[in-house]
Amino acid sequence: MRYGFPLLATYGQRVGGFLIDIGIPAGLLAIVLIAALASRDMVVIGVVYPAAAVVGLAFLVWNSGYRQGRSGQSLGKSVLGTRLVSAGSGEPVGFGRAFWRQVAHLLDGIPLGIGYLWPLWDEQRQTFADKICSTLVVQADL
């Protein structure tokens, strides 16, 4: 603990959690796409794959918005032992702020993905999205 807050998450924990969180829906879409293309049926390709994309998007909203906003932990953060909190209170940020933080991550890609690397040298280990939304990724309580 540091000044009443848990320790900040490491860069490796952040990246690992992200890879898990994005890997679940991306893996689902890849499997469905391969199966749909293998069927060579245009109805399957035109209906099943878009339906899987909607399911993947719903998963992202649930995992990164609802779950992470309510508990501070997406599935990836749970596995890697981290959580998302308000920089001011240390509490989970709620659905809206968690959701908009995910949208703000688009700015991390501009320019050249530098915002995603920013936690490597930032004192609070924040991305641009974290700075905009006043959030921190910290070690989860043990």
C-alpha atoms as a PDB file:
ATOM      1  CA  MET A   1       0.000   0.000   0.000  1.00  0.00           C
ATOM      2  CA  ARG A   2       1.136   3.497  -0.795  1.00  0.00           C
ATOM      3  CA  TYR A   3      -0.605   6.495   0.747  1.00  0.00           C
ATOM      4  CA  GLY A   4      -3.755   4.432   1.363  1.00  0.00           C
ATOM      5  CA  PHE A   5      -3.780   3.001  -2.186  1.00  0.00           C
ATOM      6  CA  PRO A   6      -2.589  -0.442  -3.269  1.00  0.00           C
ATOM      7  CA  LEU A   7       0.553  -0.609  -5.386  1.00  0.00           C
ATOM      8  CA  LEU A   8       0.219   0.291  -9.038  1.00  0.00           C
ATOM      9  CA  ALA A   9      -0.050  -2.593 -11.494  1.00  0.00           C
ATOM     10  CA  THR A  10       3.043  -3.456 -13.511  1.00  0.00           C
ATOM     11  CA  TYR A  11       3.136  -2.885 -17.241  1.00  0.00           C
ATOM     12  CA  GLY A  12       3.243  -6.666 -17.759  1.00  0.00           C
ATOM     13  CA  GLN A  13       0.081  -7.123 -15.701  1.00  0.00           C
ATOM     14  CA  ARG A  14      -1.684  -4.435 -17.722  1.00  0.00           C
ATOM     15  CA  VAL A  15      -0.677  -5.923 -21.063  1.00  0.00           C
ATOM     16  CA  GLY A  16      -1.476  -9.473 -19.936  1.00  0.00           C
ATOM     17  CA  GLY A  17      -4.928  -8.461 -18.729  1.00  0.00           C
ATOM     18  CA  PHE A  18      -5.606  -6.652 -22.001  1.00  0.00           C
ATOM     19  CA  LEU A  19      -4.537  -9.683 -24.033  1.00  0.00           C
ATOM     20  CA  ILE A  20      -6.915 -11.920 -22.079  1.00  0.00           C
ATOM     21  CA  ASP A  21      -9.783  -9.428 -22.355  1.00  0.00           C
ATOM     22  CA  ILE A  22      -9.369  -8.990 -26.110  1.00  0.00           C
ATOM     23  CA  GLY A  23      -8.360 -12.601 -26.748  1.00  0.00           C
ATOM     24  CA  ILE A  24     -11.694 -14.045 -25.608  1.00  0.00           C
ATOM     25  CA  PRO A  25     -13.916 -12.271 -28.152  1.00  0.00           C
ATOM     26  CA  ALA A  26     -11.210 -12.301 -30.857  1.00  0.00           C
ATOM     27  CA  GLY A  27     -10.774 -16.059 -30.420  1.00  0.00           C
ATOM     28  CA  LEU A  28     -14.527 -16.577 -30.653  1.00  0.00           C
ATOM     29  CA  LEU A  29     -14.715 -14.537 -33.849  1.00  0.00           C
ATOM     30  CA  ALA A  30     -11.749 -16.361 -35.392  1.00  0.00           C
ATOM     31  CA  ILE A  31     -13.248 -19.781 -34.688  1.00  0.00           C
ATOM     32  CA  VAL A  32     -16.663 -18.766 -36.019  1.00  0.00           C
ATOM     33  CA  LEU A  33     -15.131 -17.159 -39.120  1.00  0.00           C
ATOM     34  CA  ILE A  34     -13.076 -20.265 -39.917  1.00  0.00           C
ATOM     35  CA  ALA A  35     -16.127 -22.494 -39.424  1.00  0.00           C
ATOM     36  CA  ALA A  36     -18.361 -20.190 -41.483  1.00  0.00           C
ATOM     37  CA  LEU A  37     -15.864 -19.988 -44.338  1.00  0.00           C
ATOM     38  CA  ALA A  38     -15.323 -23.753 -44.233  1.00  0.00           C
ATOM     39  CA  SER A  39     -19.063 -24.271 -44.689  1.00  0.00           C
ATOM     40  CA  ARG A  40     -18.940 -22.291 -47.977  1.00  0.00           C
ATOM     41  CA  ASP A  41     -22.589 -21.449 -47.284  1.00  0.00           C
ATOM     42  CA  MET A  42     -23.278 -17.763 -47.902  1.00  0.00           C
ATOM     43  CA  VAL A  43     -26.198 -17.777 -45.459  1.00  0.00           C
ATOM     44  CA  VAL A  44     -23.960 -19.144 -42.702  1.00  0.00           C
ATOM     45  CA  ILE A  45     -21.227 -16.663 -43.557  1.00  0.00           C
ATOM     46  CA  GLY A  46     -23.691 -13.758 -43.825  1.00  0.00           C
ATOM     47  CA  VAL A  47     -25.696 -14.539 -40.680  1.00  0.00           C
ATOM     48  CA  VAL A  48     -23.588 -16.527 -38.230  1.00  0.00           C
ATOM     49  CA  TYR A  49     -20.438 -14.407 -38.397  1.00  0.00           C
ATOM     50  CA  PRO A  50     -22.240 -11.074 -37.870  1.00  0.00           C
ATOM     51  CA  ALA A  51     -24.195 -12.672 -34.999  1.00  0.00           C
ATOM     52  CA  ALA A  52     -20.902 -13.795 -33.443  1.00  0.00           C
ATOM     53  CA  ALA A  53     -19.584 -10.237 -33.846  1.00  0.00           C
ATOM     54  CA  VAL A  54     -22.616  -8.919 -31.926  1.00  0.00           C
ATOM     55  CA  VAL A  55     -21.998 -11.505 -29.176  1.00  0.00           C
ATOM     56  CA  GLY A  56     -18.319 -10.474 -29.057  1.00  0.00           C
ATOM     57  CA  LEU A  57     -19.272  -6.803 -28.772  1.00  0.00           C
ATOM     58  CA  ALA A  58     -21.787  -7.606 -26.021  1.00  0.00           C
ATOM     59  CA  PHE A  59     -19.039  -9.490 -24.177  1.00  0.00           C
ATOM     60  CA  LEU A  60     -16.721  -6.468 -24.428  1.00  0.00           C
ATOM     61  CA  VAL A  61     -19.400  -4.118 -23.068  1.00  0.00           C
ATOM     62  CA  TRP A  62     -20.197  -6.541 -20.223  1.00  0.00           C
ATOM     63  CA  ASN A  63     -16.568  -7.313 -19.353  1.00  0.00           C
ATOM     64  CA  SER A  64     -14.980  -3.881 -19.789  1.00  0.00           C
ATOM     65  CA  GLY A  65     -17.985  -1.761 -18.840  1.00  0.00           C
ATOM     66  CA  TYR A  66     -20.293  -3.534 -16.429  1.00  0.00           C
ATOM     67  CA  ARG A  67     -17.977  -6.058 -14.745  1.00  0.00           C
ATOM     68  CA  GLN A  68     -14.930  -3.808 -14.578  1.00  0.00           C
ATOM     69  CA  GLY A  69     -16.972  -0.749 -13.643  1.00  0.00           C
ATOM     70  CA  ARG A  70     -18.764  -2.521 -10.821  1.00  0.00           C
ATOM     71  CA  SER A  71     -15.929  -4.573  -9.300  1.00  0.00           C
ATOM     72  CA  GLY A  72     -12.838  -2.924 -10.753  1.00  0.00           C
ATOM     73  CA  GLN A  73     -11.910  -6.173 -12.481  1.00  0.00           C
ATOM     74  CA  SER A  74     -12.448  -7.404 -16.013  1.00  0.00           C
ATOM     75  CA  LEU A  75     -11.740 -11.106 -16.536  1.00  0.00           C
ATOM     76  CA  GLY A  76      -8.177 -10.276 -17.586  1.00  0.00           C
ATOM     77  CA  LYS A  77      -7.619  -8.065 -14.559  1.00  0.00           C
ATOM     78  CA  SER A  78      -8.954 -10.834 -12.292  1.00  0.00           C
ATOM     79  CA  VAL A  79      -6.504 -13.365 -13.736  1.00  0.00           C
ATOM     80  CA  LEU A  80      -3.565 -10.946 -13.497  1.00  0.00           C
ATOM     81  CA  GLY A  81      -4.436  -9.666 -10.010  1.00  0.00           C
ATOM     82  CA  THR A  82      -5.210  -6.045 -10.845  1.00  0.00           C
ATOM     83  CA  ARG A  83      -8.203  -3.741 -10.698  1.00  0.00           C
ATOM     84  CA  LEU A  84      -9.341  -0.407 -12.111  1.00  0.00           C
ATOM     85  CA  VAL A  85     -10.067   2.322  -9.567  1.00  0.00           C
ATOM     86  CA  SER A  86     -10.787   6.022  -9.396  1.00  0.00           C
ATOM     87  CA  ALA A  87      -7.574   7.986  -8.921  1.00  0.00           C
ATOM     88  CA  GLY A  88      -9.381  10.129  -6.343  1.00  0.00           C
ATOM     89  CA  SER A  89     -11.186   7.597  -4.179  1.00  0.00           C
ATOM     90  CA  GLY A  90      -9.584   4.234  -4.893  1.00  0.00           C
ATOM     91  CA  GLU A  91     -13.060   2.766  -5.516  1.00  0.00           C
ATOM     92  CA  PRO A  92     -14.418   1.090  -8.673  1.00  0.00           C
ATOM     93  CA  VAL A  93     -15.452   3.669 -11.247  1.00  0.00           C
ATOM     94  CA  GLY A  94     -18.895   2.429 -12.327  1.00  0.00           C
ATOM     95  CA  PHE A  95     -20.188   1.355 -15.728  1.00  0.00           C
ATOM     96  CA  GLY A  96     -20.212   4.732 -17.459  1.00  0.00           C
ATOM     97  CA  ARG A  97     -16.672   5.737 -16.595  1.00  0.00           C
ATOM     98  CA  ALA A  98     -15.313   2.241 -17.311  1.00  0.00           C
ATOM     99  CA  PHE A  99     -17.092   2.218 -20.681  1.00  0.00           C
ATOM    100  CA  TRP A 100     -15.866   5.683 -21.684  1.00  0.00           C
ATOM    101  CA  ARG A 101     -12.345   4.747 -20.581  1.00  0.00           C
ATOM    102  CA  GLN A 102     -12.458   1.952 -23.151  1.00  0.00           C
ATOM    103  CA  VAL A 103     -13.587   4.441 -25.796  1.00  0.00           C
ATOM    104  CA  ALA A 104     -10.834   6.859 -24.694  1.00  0.00           C
ATOM    105  CA  HIS A 105      -8.280   4.096 -25.323  1.00  0.00           C
ATOM    106  CA  LEU A 106      -8.690   4.994 -29.003  1.00  0.00           C
ATOM    107  CA  LEU A 107      -6.609   8.084 -28.181  1.00  0.00           C
ATOM    108  CA  ASP A 108      -3.832   5.829 -26.881  1.00  0.00           C
ATOM    109  CA  GLY A 109      -3.290   4.724 -30.459  1.00  0.00           C
ATOM    110  CA  ILE A 110      -2.678   8.296 -31.634  1.00  0.00           C
ATOM    111  CA  PRO A 111       0.106   8.898 -32.581  1.00  0.00           C
ATOM    112  CA  LEU A 112       1.815   5.559 -33.209  1.00  0.00           C
ATOM    113  CA  GLY A 113       0.363   3.856 -30.120  1.00  0.00           C
ATOM    114  CA  ILE A 114       2.407   6.027 -27.745  1.00  0.00           C
ATOM    115  CA  GLY A 115      -0.462   6.215 -25.242  1.00  0.00           C
ATOM    116  CA  TYR A 116      -0.260   2.463 -24.702  1.00  0.00           C
ATOM    117  CA  LEU A 117       3.454   2.790 -23.907  1.00  0.00           C
ATOM    118  CA  TRP A 118       2.974   5.821 -21.637  1.00  0.00           C
ATOM    119  CA  PRO A 119       2.653   3.697 -18.444  1.00  0.00           C
ATOM    120  CA  LEU A 120       6.275   2.601 -18.911  1.00  0.00           C
ATOM    121  CA  TRP A 121       7.575   6.020 -17.805  1.00  0.00           C
ATOM    122  CA  ASP A 122       4.563   7.733 -16.237  1.00  0.00           C
ATOM    123  CA  GLU A 123       4.784   8.143 -12.449  1.00  0.00           C
ATOM    124  CA  GLN A 124       1.204   6.834 -12.009  1.00  0.00           C
ATOM    125  CA  ARG A 125       1.612   4.237 -14.819  1.00  0.00           C
ATOM    126  CA  GLN A 126      -1.382   5.724 -16.633  1.00  0.00           C
ATOM    127  CA  THR A 127      -2.330   5.581 -20.301  1.00  0.00           C
ATOM    128  CA  PHE A 128      -3.845   8.664 -21.927  1.00  0.00           C
ATOM    129  CA  ALA A 129      -7.287   7.099 -21.319  1.00  0.00           C
ATOM    130  CA  ASP A 130      -6.495   6.733 -17.600  1.00  0.00           C
ATOM    131  CA  LYS A 131      -5.441  10.366 -17.413  1.00  0.00           C
ATOM    132  CA  ILE A 132      -8.612  11.548 -19.193  1.00  0.00           C
ATOM    133  CA  CYS A 133     -10.863   9.424 -16.952  1.00  0.00           C
ATOM    134  CA  SER A 134      -8.837   9.891 -13.722  1.00  0.00           C
ATOM    135  CA  THR A 135      -8.325   6.145 -13.244  1.00  0.00           C
ATOM    136  CA  LEU A 136      -5.508   3.930 -12.008  1.00  0.00           C
ATOM    137  CA  VAL A 137      -4.816   0.243 -12.492  1.00  0.00           C
ATOM    138  CA  VAL A 138      -3.608  -1.140  -9.170  1.00  0.00           C
ATOM    139  CA  GLN A 139      -2.704  -4.444  -7.554  1.00  0.00           C
ATOM    140  CA  ALA A 140      -5.844  -6.229  -6.386  1.00  0.00           C
ATOM    141  CA  ASP A 141      -6.349  -6.791  -2.674  1.00  0.00           C
ATOM    142  CA  LEU A 142      -5.012 -10.165  -1.641  1.00  0.00           C
END
